[in-house]
Amino acid sequence: MLDYAQARRLMVDCQLRTFDVNDNAVLDAFDAVPRERFVPAGRETFAYIDQALTVATQSDGPRVMAAPMILARMIQALKVRPGTRVLDVAAGYGYSAAILDRLGAQVTALESDEALAGAARERLGGQVEVVRGGLTETVAGGAFDAILVEGRVETRPQALLDQLKDDGRLVCVLGPDRNAKATLFVRAGDAFGARPLFDANLPALKAFATEPGFAF
């Protein structure tokens, strides 16, 4: 039987640390949260491989757990600290929300499907607020310090950026397939700066797809 605690330690040492994840709080959170709890039943032994895992198929795009090193770098870029108010978009079974909660954030996990939202609530055990709604909808309360998007967006996610506080940060995988990059947005008043972080790819979320144009 797989020793999951040892698998987590190897994930942290061999995947995260070697991919420039150096925030000790982030490393500790990934070492503490049991990733195998957040995958579909029967797939627990695949939880610690260094690639994305699909956890559900939805009409608005697959829900995935990003490869650990990708997710860790994205969360590290958000600079989450205790009390940070975070929106986790397309939260799936809630793994990322659990990591953010471990970091001391006040987390709201957003899912478009009630059954999937219910599965996340069950796994998170009441530690995180899980809400059902469209992925581009304004979440009650708004004004988040940080937003994590768990999927690839083809266009700038303006509906989410508008929910950031001043100086708030949003991280997502942005761009067309094969040319996408993990990208950090930072709000400054009504302006939004964007900085590509590293090459990355995840399945596309249809709510953030490029509108088809006319072909001549």
N, C-alpha and C. Protein backbone atom coordinates (compact mmCIF):
# COMPACT_ATOMS: atom_id res chain seq x y z
N MET A 1 0.84 -1.19 0.00
CA MET A 1 0.00 0.00 0.00
C MET A 1 0.88 1.25 0.00
N LEU A 2 0.51 2.26 -0.80
CA LEU A 2 1.30 3.46 -0.92
C LEU A 2 1.32 4.23 0.39
N ASP A 3 2.49 4.66 0.78
CA ASP A 3 2.67 5.51 1.95
C ASP A 3 2.43 6.95 1.49
N TYR A 4 1.24 7.48 1.75
CA TYR A 4 0.88 8.79 1.22
C TYR A 4 1.69 9.91 1.85
N ALA A 5 2.02 9.77 3.13
CA ALA A 5 2.83 10.80 3.78
C ALA A 5 4.21 10.89 3.12
N GLN A 6 4.79 9.74 2.82
CA GLN A 6 6.08 9.74 2.13
C GLN A 6 5.94 10.30 0.71
N ALA A 7 4.83 9.96 0.04
CA ALA A 7 4.59 10.48 -1.30
C ALA A 7 4.50 12.01 -1.29
N ARG A 8 3.85 12.57 -0.26
CA ARG A 8 3.77 14.02 -0.15
C ARG A 8 5.15 14.64 0.05
N ARG A 9 5.95 14.02 0.88
CA ARG A 9 7.29 14.54 1.12
C ARG A 9 8.12 14.51 -0.17
N LEU A 10 8.03 13.44 -0.93
CA LEU A 10 8.75 13.34 -2.20
C LEU A 10 8.23 14.38 -3.20
N MET A 11 6.91 14.61 -3.20
CA MET A 11 6.33 15.62 -4.07
C MET A 11 6.94 16.99 -3.75
N VAL A 12 7.01 17.31 -2.48
CA VAL A 12 7.55 18.61 -2.07
C VAL A 12 9.03 18.73 -2.43
N ASP A 13 9.81 17.69 -2.14
CA ASP A 13 11.25 17.77 -2.34
C ASP A 13 11.66 17.64 -3.80
N CYS A 14 10.97 16.79 -4.56
CA CYS A 14 11.42 16.47 -5.92
C CYS A 14 10.65 17.20 -7.02
N GLN A 15 9.46 17.70 -6.71
CA GLN A 15 8.70 18.44 -7.70
C GLN A 15 8.66 19.93 -7.40
N LEU A 16 8.29 20.29 -6.17
CA LEU A 16 8.09 21.70 -5.85
C LEU A 16 9.42 22.44 -5.68
N ARG A 17 10.29 21.93 -4.84
CA ARG A 17 11.55 22.64 -4.57
C ARG A 17 12.39 22.78 -5.83
N THR A 18 12.32 21.83 -6.73
CA THR A 18 13.12 21.89 -7.95
C THR A 18 12.50 22.78 -9.01
N PHE A 19 11.32 23.35 -8.74
CA PHE A 19 10.64 24.23 -9.69
C PHE A 19 10.46 25.62 -9.09
N ASP A 20 11.44 26.03 -8.31
CA ASP A 20 11.50 27.37 -7.74
C ASP A 20 10.35 27.70 -6.80
N VAL A 21 9.80 26.69 -6.15
CA VAL A 21 8.86 26.95 -5.07
C VAL A 21 9.69 27.03 -3.79
N ASN A 22 9.80 28.23 -3.24
CA ASN A 22 10.70 28.44 -2.10
C ASN A 22 10.03 29.12 -0.92
N ASP A 23 8.73 29.34 -1.00
CA ASP A 23 7.98 29.90 0.13
C ASP A 23 7.72 28.77 1.13
N ASN A 24 8.30 28.87 2.32
CA ASN A 24 8.20 27.77 3.28
C ASN A 24 6.75 27.47 3.68
N ALA A 25 5.94 28.50 3.77
CA ALA A 25 4.53 28.27 4.13
C ALA A 25 3.83 27.47 3.04
N VAL A 26 4.11 27.77 1.79
CA VAL A 26 3.51 27.02 0.68
C VAL A 26 4.01 25.58 0.70
N LEU A 27 5.30 25.39 0.88
CA LEU A 27 5.85 24.03 0.94
C LEU A 27 5.22 23.24 2.08
N ASP A 28 5.07 23.86 3.23
CA ASP A 28 4.49 23.18 4.39
C ASP A 28 3.03 22.81 4.13
N ALA A 29 2.30 23.71 3.46
CA ALA A 29 0.89 23.43 3.17
C ALA A 29 0.75 22.23 2.24
N PHE A 30 1.59 22.17 1.20
CA PHE A 30 1.52 21.03 0.28
C PHE A 30 1.95 19.74 0.97
N ASP A 31 2.82 19.85 1.96
CA ASP A 31 3.24 18.66 2.70
C ASP A 31 2.17 18.19 3.68
N ALA A 32 1.28 19.10 4.07
CA ALA A 32 0.30 18.78 5.11
C ALA A 32 -1.04 18.30 4.54
N VAL A 33 -1.45 18.81 3.39
CA VAL A 33 -2.78 18.50 2.87
C VAL A 33 -2.74 17.19 2.07
N PRO A 34 -3.58 16.22 2.42
CA PRO A 34 -3.57 14.92 1.75
C PRO A 34 -4.21 15.00 0.36
N ARG A 35 -3.39 15.14 -0.65
CA ARG A 35 -3.85 15.30 -2.04
C ARG A 35 -4.75 14.13 -2.47
N GLU A 36 -4.46 12.95 -1.96
CA GLU A 36 -5.24 11.77 -2.37
C GLU A 36 -6.71 11.87 -1.97
N ARG A 37 -7.05 12.72 -1.02
CA ARG A 37 -8.44 12.87 -0.58
C ARG A 37 -9.28 13.61 -1.62
N PHE A 38 -8.63 14.28 -2.55
CA PHE A 38 -9.33 15.19 -3.47
C PHE A 38 -9.36 14.68 -4.91
N VAL A 39 -9.10 13.41 -5.11
CA VAL A 39 -9.20 12.79 -6.43
C VAL A 39 -10.38 11.84 -6.45
N PRO A 40 -10.87 11.44 -7.63
CA PRO A 40 -11.98 10.48 -7.68
C PRO A 40 -11.60 9.16 -7.03
N ALA A 41 -12.58 8.51 -6.45
CA ALA A 41 -12.35 7.23 -5.79
C ALA A 41 -11.71 6.24 -6.76
N GLY A 42 -10.70 5.55 -6.27
CA GLY A 42 -9.99 4.57 -7.08
C GLY A 42 -8.77 5.12 -7.78
N ARG A 43 -8.57 6.45 -7.71
CA ARG A 43 -7.42 7.06 -8.39
C ARG A 43 -6.41 7.64 -7.39
N GLU A 44 -6.54 7.25 -6.15
CA GLU A 44 -5.68 7.82 -5.10
C GLU A 44 -4.19 7.60 -5.37
N THR A 45 -3.83 6.47 -5.95
CA THR A 45 -2.41 6.20 -6.17
C THR A 45 -1.80 7.09 -7.24
N PHE A 46 -2.64 7.79 -8.01
CA PHE A 46 -2.14 8.71 -9.04
C PHE A 46 -2.03 10.15 -8.52
N ALA A 47 -2.39 10.38 -7.28
CA ALA A 47 -2.52 11.75 -6.77
C ALA A 47 -1.21 12.53 -6.80
N TYR A 48 -0.07 11.85 -6.72
CA TYR A 48 1.20 12.56 -6.56
C TYR A 48 2.08 12.53 -7.80
N ILE A 49 1.52 12.13 -8.94
CA ILE A 49 2.30 12.19 -10.16
C ILE A 49 2.45 13.64 -10.61
N ASP A 50 3.48 13.90 -11.41
CA ASP A 50 3.79 15.29 -11.77
C ASP A 50 3.06 15.72 -13.04
N GLN A 51 1.76 15.53 -13.06
CA GLN A 51 0.94 16.00 -14.16
C GLN A 51 -0.47 16.27 -13.66
N ALA A 52 -1.23 17.00 -14.48
CA ALA A 52 -2.60 17.34 -14.08
C ALA A 52 -3.48 16.10 -14.08
N LEU A 53 -4.45 16.08 -13.18
CA LEU A 53 -5.41 14.99 -13.09
C LEU A 53 -6.82 15.54 -13.27
N THR A 54 -7.58 14.96 -14.18
CA THR A 54 -8.97 15.35 -14.35
C THR A 54 -9.80 14.73 -13.24
N VAL A 55 -10.58 15.56 -12.54
CA VAL A 55 -11.42 15.05 -11.45
C VAL A 55 -12.90 15.03 -11.82
N ALA A 56 -13.29 15.81 -12.83
CA ALA A 56 -14.70 15.84 -13.25
C ALA A 56 -14.78 16.45 -14.64
N THR A 57 -15.81 16.06 -15.38
CA THR A 57 -16.07 16.63 -16.70
C THR A 57 -17.36 17.41 -16.64
N GLN A 58 -17.27 18.72 -16.92
CA GLN A 58 -18.42 19.60 -16.84
C GLN A 58 -18.71 20.23 -18.20
N SER A 59 -19.93 20.73 -18.36
CA SER A 59 -20.30 21.34 -19.63
C SER A 59 -19.48 22.59 -19.92
N ASP A 60 -18.98 23.25 -18.89
CA ASP A 60 -18.19 24.47 -19.10
C ASP A 60 -16.69 24.22 -19.03
N GLY A 61 -16.30 22.93 -19.13
CA GLY A 61 -14.89 22.59 -19.17
C GLY A 61 -14.51 21.60 -18.08
N PRO A 62 -13.48 20.79 -18.32
CA PRO A 62 -13.05 19.82 -17.31
C PRO A 62 -12.55 20.49 -16.05
N ARG A 63 -12.69 19.80 -14.93
CA ARG A 63 -12.09 20.24 -13.69
C ARG A 63 -10.85 19.39 -13.45
N VAL A 64 -9.75 20.06 -13.19
CA VAL A 64 -8.49 19.35 -13.02
C VAL A 64 -7.79 19.80 -11.75
N MET A 65 -6.97 18.90 -11.23
CA MET A 65 -5.96 19.26 -10.25
C MET A 65 -4.69 19.49 -11.06
N ALA A 66 -4.21 20.72 -11.08
CA ALA A 66 -2.98 21.01 -11.82
C ALA A 66 -1.82 20.20 -11.24
N ALA A 67 -0.84 19.94 -12.07
CA ALA A 67 0.37 19.29 -11.58
C ALA A 67 0.87 20.04 -10.34
N PRO A 68 1.34 19.33 -9.33
CA PRO A 68 1.71 19.99 -8.07
C PRO A 68 2.66 21.18 -8.25
N MET A 69 3.67 21.03 -9.11
CA MET A 69 4.64 22.11 -9.24
C MET A 69 4.01 23.34 -9.91
N ILE A 70 3.07 23.13 -10.84
CA ILE A 70 2.38 24.25 -11.47
C ILE A 70 1.50 24.97 -10.46
N LEU A 71 0.69 24.20 -9.74
CA LEU A 71 -0.22 24.79 -8.76
C LEU A 71 0.55 25.52 -7.67
N ALA A 72 1.63 24.93 -7.20
CA ALA A 72 2.39 25.55 -6.12
C ALA A 72 3.00 26.88 -6.56
N ARG A 73 3.53 26.93 -7.78
CA ARG A 73 4.08 28.20 -8.28
C ARG A 73 2.99 29.26 -8.41
N MET A 74 1.81 28.84 -8.87
CA MET A 74 0.70 29.79 -9.02
C MET A 74 0.27 30.33 -7.66
N ILE A 75 0.12 29.44 -6.68
CA ILE A 75 -0.28 29.89 -5.35
C ILE A 75 0.81 30.76 -4.73
N GLN A 76 2.06 30.40 -4.92
CA GLN A 76 3.16 31.21 -4.40
C GLN A 76 3.10 32.64 -4.95
N ALA A 77 2.72 32.78 -6.23
CA ALA A 77 2.65 34.09 -6.86
C ALA A 77 1.56 34.98 -6.25
N LEU A 78 0.56 34.36 -5.62
CA LEU A 78 -0.52 35.13 -5.01
C LEU A 78 -0.11 35.77 -3.67
N LYS A 79 1.00 35.31 -3.10
CA LYS A 79 1.50 35.85 -1.83
C LYS A 79 0.43 35.81 -0.74
N VAL A 80 -0.17 34.64 -0.58
CA VAL A 80 -1.24 34.46 0.41
C VAL A 80 -0.64 34.45 1.81
N ARG A 81 -1.29 35.18 2.69
CA ARG A 81 -0.91 35.22 4.10
C ARG A 81 -2.16 35.04 4.95
N PRO A 82 -2.03 34.76 6.24
CA PRO A 82 -3.23 34.62 7.08
C PRO A 82 -4.14 35.84 6.95
N GLY A 83 -5.41 35.56 6.71
CA GLY A 83 -6.39 36.62 6.56
C GLY A 83 -6.63 37.07 5.14
N THR A 84 -5.78 36.66 4.18
CA THR A 84 -5.99 37.02 2.78
C THR A 84 -7.32 36.45 2.30
N ARG A 85 -8.12 37.28 1.66
CA ARG A 85 -9.42 36.83 1.14
C ARG A 85 -9.23 36.35 -0.29
N VAL A 86 -9.48 35.05 -0.52
CA VAL A 86 -9.16 34.42 -1.80
C VAL A 86 -10.40 33.80 -2.42
N LEU A 87 -10.54 33.99 -3.73
CA LEU A 87 -11.57 33.30 -4.52
C LEU A 87 -10.88 32.23 -5.35
N ASP A 88 -11.35 31.00 -5.20
CA ASP A 88 -10.82 29.85 -5.94
C ASP A 88 -11.85 29.48 -7.00
N VAL A 89 -11.55 29.74 -8.27
CA VAL A 89 -12.51 29.60 -9.37
C VAL A 89 -12.34 28.25 -10.05
N ALA A 90 -13.47 27.55 -10.28
CA ALA A 90 -13.46 26.19 -10.84
C ALA A 90 -12.73 25.26 -9.88
N ALA A 91 -13.20 25.23 -8.65
CA ALA A 91 -12.48 24.61 -7.54
C ALA A 91 -12.45 23.09 -7.56
N GLY A 92 -13.29 22.46 -8.40
CA GLY A 92 -13.28 21.00 -8.45
C GLY A 92 -13.61 20.38 -7.11
N TYR A 93 -12.84 19.39 -6.69
CA TYR A 93 -13.08 18.71 -5.42
C TYR A 93 -12.50 19.48 -4.23
N GLY A 94 -11.82 20.59 -4.48
CA GLY A 94 -11.43 21.46 -3.38
C GLY A 94 -9.99 21.37 -2.91
N TYR A 95 -9.11 20.71 -3.67
CA TYR A 95 -7.73 20.57 -3.20
C TYR A 95 -7.04 21.92 -3.04
N SER A 96 -7.13 22.76 -4.06
CA SER A 96 -6.46 24.06 -3.97
C SER A 96 -7.05 24.90 -2.84
N ALA A 97 -8.36 24.81 -2.67
CA ALA A 97 -9.00 25.54 -1.57
C ALA A 97 -8.46 25.06 -0.23
N ALA A 98 -8.20 23.76 -0.11
CA ALA A 98 -7.64 23.23 1.13
C ALA A 98 -6.23 23.76 1.37
N ILE A 99 -5.44 23.87 0.30
CA ILE A 99 -4.09 24.43 0.43
C ILE A 99 -4.17 25.88 0.88
N LEU A 100 -5.04 26.65 0.24
CA LEU A 100 -5.19 28.05 0.59
C LEU A 100 -5.67 28.22 2.03
N ASP A 101 -6.59 27.37 2.44
CA ASP A 101 -7.08 27.40 3.82
C ASP A 101 -5.93 27.09 4.79
N ARG A 102 -5.10 26.15 4.43
CA ARG A 102 -3.95 25.79 5.28
C ARG A 102 -3.00 26.99 5.44
N LEU A 103 -2.95 27.83 4.43
CA LEU A 103 -2.11 29.03 4.48
C LEU A 103 -2.74 30.13 5.33
N GLY A 104 -3.95 29.89 5.82
CA GLY A 104 -4.61 30.87 6.67
C GLY A 104 -5.52 31.83 5.95
N ALA A 105 -5.76 31.58 4.65
CA ALA A 105 -6.61 32.47 3.87
C ALA A 105 -8.08 32.27 4.23
N GLN A 106 -8.88 33.30 3.96
CA GLN A 106 -10.33 33.20 4.02
C GLN A 106 -10.79 32.85 2.60
N VAL A 107 -11.15 31.59 2.39
CA VAL A 107 -11.32 31.06 1.04
C VAL A 107 -12.79 30.92 0.68
N THR A 108 -13.12 31.38 -0.52
CA THR A 108 -14.40 31.08 -1.14
C THR A 108 -14.12 30.27 -2.40
N ALA A 109 -14.66 29.05 -2.45
CA ALA A 109 -14.47 28.17 -3.60
C ALA A 109 -15.71 28.25 -4.48
N LEU A 110 -15.51 28.54 -5.76
CA LEU A 110 -16.62 28.73 -6.70
C LEU A 110 -16.70 27.56 -7.66
N GLU A 111 -17.90 26.97 -7.75
CA GLU A 111 -18.16 25.89 -8.70
C GLU A 111 -19.50 26.13 -9.38
N SER A 112 -19.59 25.72 -10.65
CA SER A 112 -20.81 25.96 -11.42
C SER A 112 -21.82 24.83 -11.27
N ASP A 113 -21.39 23.67 -10.80
CA ASP A 113 -22.26 22.50 -10.69
C ASP A 113 -22.52 22.18 -9.22
N GLU A 114 -23.78 22.03 -8.85
CA GLU A 114 -24.11 21.82 -7.44
C GLU A 114 -23.58 20.49 -6.92
N ALA A 115 -23.63 19.44 -7.74
CA ALA A 115 -23.12 18.14 -7.28
C ALA A 115 -21.62 18.22 -7.00
N LEU A 116 -20.90 18.90 -7.88
CA LEU A 116 -19.46 19.04 -7.66
C LEU A 116 -19.17 19.94 -6.47
N ALA A 117 -19.96 21.00 -6.33
CA ALA A 117 -19.81 21.86 -5.15
C ALA A 117 -20.05 21.07 -3.87
N GLY A 118 -21.05 20.17 -3.91
CA GLY A 118 -21.33 19.33 -2.75
C GLY A 118 -20.18 18.39 -2.43
N ALA A 119 -19.56 17.83 -3.49
CA ALA A 119 -18.41 16.95 -3.28
C ALA A 119 -17.25 17.71 -2.65
N ALA A 120 -17.07 18.96 -3.05
CA ALA A 120 -16.01 19.79 -2.45
C ALA A 120 -16.33 20.08 -0.99
N ARG A 121 -17.59 20.42 -0.71
CA ARG A 121 -17.96 20.69 0.70
C ARG A 121 -17.67 19.47 1.58
N GLU A 122 -18.00 18.30 1.08
CA GLU A 122 -17.78 17.07 1.85
C GLU A 122 -16.30 16.88 2.16
N ARG A 123 -15.45 17.11 1.19
CA ARG A 123 -14.02 16.90 1.38
C ARG A 123 -13.38 17.99 2.24
N LEU A 124 -13.92 19.19 2.15
CA LEU A 124 -13.34 20.31 2.90
C LEU A 124 -13.85 20.39 4.33
N GLY A 125 -14.90 19.66 4.63
CA GLY A 125 -15.36 19.55 6.00
C GLY A 125 -15.79 20.84 6.66
N GLY A 126 -16.33 21.77 5.88
CA GLY A 126 -16.82 23.01 6.47
C GLY A 126 -15.76 24.07 6.71
N GLN A 127 -14.52 23.79 6.36
CA GLN A 127 -13.45 24.77 6.60
C GLN A 127 -13.46 25.91 5.59
N VAL A 128 -14.07 25.67 4.43
CA VAL A 128 -14.06 26.63 3.34
C VAL A 128 -15.48 26.87 2.88
N GLU A 129 -15.82 28.12 2.54
CA GLU A 129 -17.12 28.41 1.96
C GLU A 129 -17.11 27.98 0.49
N VAL A 130 -18.03 27.10 0.13
CA VAL A 130 -18.16 26.65 -1.26
C VAL A 130 -19.48 27.19 -1.79
N VAL A 131 -19.42 27.91 -2.91
CA VAL A 131 -20.63 28.50 -3.49
C VAL A 131 -20.81 27.98 -4.91
N ARG A 132 -22.08 27.87 -5.32
CA ARG A 132 -22.38 27.45 -6.68
C ARG A 132 -22.76 28.68 -7.49
N GLY A 133 -22.18 28.79 -8.66
CA GLY A 133 -22.49 29.91 -9.55
C GLY A 133 -21.66 29.83 -10.80
N GLY A 134 -22.05 30.59 -11.82
CA GLY A 134 -21.27 30.66 -13.04
C GLY A 134 -19.88 31.20 -12.77
N LEU A 135 -18.92 30.74 -13.54
CA LEU A 135 -17.52 31.07 -13.26
C LEU A 135 -17.19 32.54 -13.51
N THR A 136 -18.05 33.24 -14.24
CA THR A 136 -17.82 34.67 -14.47
C THR A 136 -18.73 35.54 -13.61
N GLU A 137 -19.54 34.93 -12.76
CA GLU A 137 -20.46 35.71 -11.93
C GLU A 137 -19.71 36.41 -10.79
N THR A 138 -20.26 37.54 -10.38
CA THR A 138 -19.71 38.23 -9.22
C THR A 138 -20.16 37.50 -7.96
N VAL A 139 -19.21 37.10 -7.15
CA VAL A 139 -19.51 36.39 -5.92
C VAL A 139 -19.92 37.40 -4.86
N ALA A 140 -20.94 37.06 -4.11
CA ALA A 140 -21.46 37.97 -3.07
C ALA A 140 -20.31 38.45 -2.18
N GLY A 141 -20.25 39.72 -2.00
CA GLY A 141 -19.18 40.30 -1.19
C GLY A 141 -18.05 40.86 -2.02
N GLY A 142 -17.65 40.13 -3.07
CA GLY A 142 -16.61 40.61 -3.96
C GLY A 142 -15.36 41.06 -3.23
N ALA A 143 -14.62 41.95 -3.86
CA ALA A 143 -13.44 42.59 -3.26
C ALA A 143 -12.47 41.58 -2.66
N PHE A 144 -11.89 40.74 -3.51
CA PHE A 144 -10.94 39.73 -3.06
C PHE A 144 -9.51 40.25 -3.13
N ASP A 145 -8.70 39.79 -2.21
CA ASP A 145 -7.27 40.11 -2.24
C ASP A 145 -6.55 39.30 -3.31
N ALA A 146 -7.05 38.10 -3.58
CA ALA A 146 -6.39 37.20 -4.52
C ALA A 146 -7.42 36.28 -5.16
N ILE A 147 -7.16 35.92 -6.41
CA ILE A 147 -8.04 35.00 -7.14
C ILE A 147 -7.16 33.98 -7.84
N LEU A 148 -7.51 32.71 -7.69
CA LEU A 148 -6.85 31.60 -8.37
C LEU A 148 -7.85 31.01 -9.36
N VAL A 149 -7.46 30.89 -10.62
CA VAL A 149 -8.32 30.29 -11.65
C VAL A 149 -7.75 28.92 -11.99
N GLU A 150 -8.55 27.88 -11.77
CA GLU A 150 -8.07 26.51 -11.97
C GLU A 150 -8.50 25.98 -13.34
N GLY A 151 -7.88 26.52 -14.35
CA GLY A 151 -8.15 26.13 -15.72
C GLY A 151 -7.55 27.17 -16.64
N ARG A 152 -7.49 26.85 -17.92
CA ARG A 152 -6.91 27.78 -18.88
C ARG A 152 -7.97 28.75 -19.38
N VAL A 153 -7.59 30.02 -19.46
CA VAL A 153 -8.47 31.06 -20.00
C VAL A 153 -7.84 31.56 -21.29
N GLU A 154 -8.67 31.71 -22.32
CA GLU A 154 -8.14 32.14 -23.61
C GLU A 154 -8.09 33.66 -23.72
N THR A 155 -8.88 34.34 -22.93
CA THR A 155 -8.91 35.80 -22.95
C THR A 155 -8.75 36.33 -21.53
N ARG A 156 -8.39 37.58 -21.42
CA ARG A 156 -8.24 38.20 -20.11
C ARG A 156 -9.54 38.07 -19.32
N PRO A 157 -9.49 37.51 -18.11
CA PRO A 157 -10.72 37.25 -17.34
C PRO A 157 -11.23 38.50 -16.62
N GLN A 158 -11.75 39.45 -17.42
CA GLN A 158 -12.08 40.76 -16.86
C GLN A 158 -13.14 40.68 -15.77
N ALA A 159 -14.12 39.77 -15.93
CA ALA A 159 -15.17 39.66 -14.92
C ALA A 159 -14.59 39.28 -13.56
N LEU A 160 -13.51 38.54 -13.55
CA LEU A 160 -12.85 38.19 -12.29
C LEU A 160 -11.93 39.30 -11.83
N LEU A 161 -11.22 39.90 -12.74
CA LEU A 161 -10.32 41.00 -12.37
C LEU A 161 -11.09 42.13 -11.69
N ASP A 162 -12.32 42.35 -12.13
CA ASP A 162 -13.13 43.41 -11.54
C ASP A 162 -13.51 43.12 -10.09
N GLN A 163 -13.32 41.86 -9.65
CA GLN A 163 -13.64 41.50 -8.26
C GLN A 163 -12.42 41.62 -7.33
N LEU A 164 -11.30 42.06 -7.87
CA LEU A 164 -10.10 42.26 -7.05
C LEU A 164 -10.14 43.60 -6.33
N LYS A 165 -9.60 43.60 -5.13
CA LYS A 165 -9.33 44.86 -4.45
C LYS A 165 -8.16 45.57 -5.14
N ASP A 166 -7.99 46.85 -4.83
CA ASP A 166 -6.80 47.55 -5.28
C ASP A 166 -5.58 46.83 -4.72
N ASP A 167 -4.58 46.62 -5.56
CA ASP A 167 -3.37 45.84 -5.24
C ASP A 167 -3.63 44.34 -5.18
N GLY A 168 -4.85 43.91 -5.52
CA GLY A 168 -5.15 42.48 -5.53
C GLY A 168 -4.45 41.77 -6.68
N ARG A 169 -4.30 40.44 -6.52
CA ARG A 169 -3.55 39.63 -7.49
C ARG A 169 -4.44 38.49 -8.00
N LEU A 170 -4.36 38.23 -9.28
CA LEU A 170 -5.04 37.09 -9.89
C LEU A 170 -4.02 36.29 -10.68
N VAL A 171 -4.05 34.98 -10.52
CA VAL A 171 -3.17 34.12 -11.30
C VAL A 171 -4.00 33.10 -12.06
N CYS A 172 -3.63 32.88 -13.31
CA CYS A 172 -4.35 31.95 -14.17
C CYS A 172 -3.37 31.44 -15.22
N VAL A 173 -3.81 30.44 -15.98
CA VAL A 173 -3.09 30.00 -17.18
C VAL A 173 -3.79 30.66 -18.36
N LEU A 174 -3.07 31.50 -19.08
CA LEU A 174 -3.66 32.36 -20.09
C LEU A 174 -3.08 32.07 -21.46
N GLY A 175 -3.97 31.97 -22.47
CA GLY A 175 -3.51 31.87 -23.84
C GLY A 175 -4.06 30.67 -24.57
N PRO A 176 -3.76 30.57 -25.86
CA PRO A 176 -4.20 29.43 -26.65
C PRO A 176 -3.44 28.17 -26.28
N ASP A 177 -4.04 27.04 -26.61
CA ASP A 177 -3.42 25.74 -26.33
C ASP A 177 -1.99 25.71 -26.88
N ARG A 178 -1.06 25.14 -26.12
CA ARG A 178 0.35 24.96 -26.46
C ARG A 178 1.17 26.24 -26.36
N ASN A 179 0.52 27.38 -26.27
CA ASN A 179 1.26 28.64 -26.12
C ASN A 179 0.86 29.36 -24.84
N ALA A 180 0.21 28.66 -23.95
CA ALA A 180 -0.30 29.29 -22.73
C ALA A 180 0.82 29.47 -21.70
N LYS A 181 0.61 30.46 -20.85
CA LYS A 181 1.56 30.73 -19.77
C LYS A 181 0.81 31.04 -18.48
N ALA A 182 1.35 30.57 -17.38
CA ALA A 182 0.85 31.03 -16.09
C ALA A 182 1.12 32.52 -16.03
N THR A 183 0.07 33.29 -15.72
CA THR A 183 0.16 34.75 -15.80
C THR A 183 -0.38 35.38 -14.53
N LEU A 184 0.33 36.38 -14.03
CA LEU A 184 -0.08 37.09 -12.84
C LEU A 184 -0.60 38.47 -13.23
N PHE A 185 -1.82 38.79 -12.77
CA PHE A 185 -2.39 40.12 -12.93
C PHE A 185 -2.37 40.81 -11.57
N VAL A 186 -2.07 42.10 -11.58
CA VAL A 186 -2.10 42.90 -10.35
C VAL A 186 -2.93 44.15 -10.63
N ARG A 187 -3.87 44.43 -9.76
CA ARG A 187 -4.73 45.60 -9.94
C ARG A 187 -4.11 46.84 -9.31
N ALA A 188 -4.19 47.95 -10.04
CA ALA A 188 -3.77 49.26 -9.51
C ALA A 188 -4.85 50.26 -9.91
N GLY A 189 -5.77 50.51 -9.00
CA GLY A 189 -6.91 51.37 -9.33
C GLY A 189 -7.78 50.69 -10.39
N ASP A 190 -7.97 51.37 -11.51
CA ASP A 190 -8.75 50.79 -12.60
C ASP A 190 -7.88 50.13 -13.65
N ALA A 191 -6.59 50.04 -13.41
CA ALA A 191 -5.67 49.42 -14.36
C ALA A 191 -5.23 48.05 -13.85
N PHE A 192 -4.83 47.20 -14.81
CA PHE A 192 -4.41 45.85 -14.46
C PHE A 192 -3.11 45.53 -15.20
N GLY A 193 -2.05 45.33 -14.43
CA GLY A 193 -0.81 44.90 -15.03
C GLY A 193 -0.79 43.39 -15.16
N ALA A 194 -0.10 42.87 -16.17
CA ALA A 194 -0.02 41.43 -16.40
C ALA A 194 1.43 41.03 -16.62
N ARG A 195 1.83 39.93 -16.01
CA ARG A 195 3.21 39.45 -16.17
C ARG A 195 3.21 37.93 -16.34
N PRO A 196 3.71 37.43 -17.48
CA PRO A 196 3.82 35.97 -17.64
C PRO A 196 4.87 35.42 -16.68
N LEU A 197 4.56 34.26 -16.10
CA LEU A 197 5.44 33.66 -15.10
C LEU A 197 6.24 32.49 -15.65
N PHE A 198 5.56 31.58 -16.32
CA PHE A 198 6.22 30.39 -16.86
C PHE A 198 5.26 29.69 -17.81
N ASP A 199 5.79 28.83 -18.67
CA ASP A 199 4.95 28.05 -19.58
C ASP A 199 4.12 27.06 -18.77
N ALA A 200 2.85 26.95 -19.13
CA ALA A 200 1.96 26.01 -18.44
C ALA A 200 0.76 25.75 -19.33
N ASN A 201 0.08 24.66 -19.08
CA ASN A 201 -1.13 24.39 -19.83
C ASN A 201 -2.12 23.62 -18.96
N LEU A 202 -3.39 23.94 -19.13
CA LEU A 202 -4.49 23.25 -18.48
C LEU A 202 -5.64 23.22 -19.47
N PRO A 203 -6.62 22.35 -19.27
CA PRO A 203 -7.80 22.37 -20.14
C PRO A 203 -8.52 23.71 -20.06
N ALA A 204 -9.13 24.12 -21.16
CA ALA A 204 -9.78 25.42 -21.24
C ALA A 204 -11.11 25.44 -20.50
N LEU A 205 -11.39 26.57 -19.88
CA LEU A 205 -12.70 26.84 -19.29
C LEU A 205 -13.52 27.62 -20.31
N LYS A 206 -14.67 27.09 -20.70
CA LYS A 206 -15.45 27.69 -21.79
C LYS A 206 -15.96 29.08 -21.45
N ALA A 207 -16.13 29.37 -20.17
CA ALA A 207 -16.60 30.69 -19.78
C ALA A 207 -15.61 31.79 -20.17
N PHE A 208 -14.36 31.42 -20.42
CA PHE A 208 -13.33 32.40 -20.76
C PHE A 208 -12.74 32.12 -22.14
N ALA A 209 -13.56 31.54 -23.02
CA ALA A 209 -13.10 31.22 -24.37
C ALA A 209 -13.11 32.46 -25.25
N THR A 210 -12.25 32.46 -26.26
CA THR A 210 -12.23 33.52 -27.25
C THR A 210 -13.48 33.45 -28.09
N GLU A 211 -14.13 34.60 -28.30
CA GLU A 211 -15.30 34.62 -29.17
C GLU A 211 -14.89 34.33 -30.60
N PRO A 212 -15.61 33.42 -31.29
CA PRO A 212 -15.26 33.13 -32.68
C PRO A 212 -15.48 34.36 -33.55
N GLY A 213 -14.55 34.58 -34.46
CA GLY A 213 -14.67 35.72 -35.37
C GLY A 213 -15.11 35.28 -36.76
N PHE A 214 -15.24 36.23 -37.62
CA PHE A 214 -15.61 35.93 -39.00
C PHE A 214 -14.38 35.53 -39.79
N ALA A 215 -14.54 34.55 -40.65
CA ALA A 215 -13.46 34.11 -41.55
C ALA A 215 -13.81 34.56 -42.95
N PHE A 216 -12.81 35.10 -43.68
CA PHE A 216 -13.05 35.58 -45.04
C PHE A 216 -12.25 34.74 -46.02
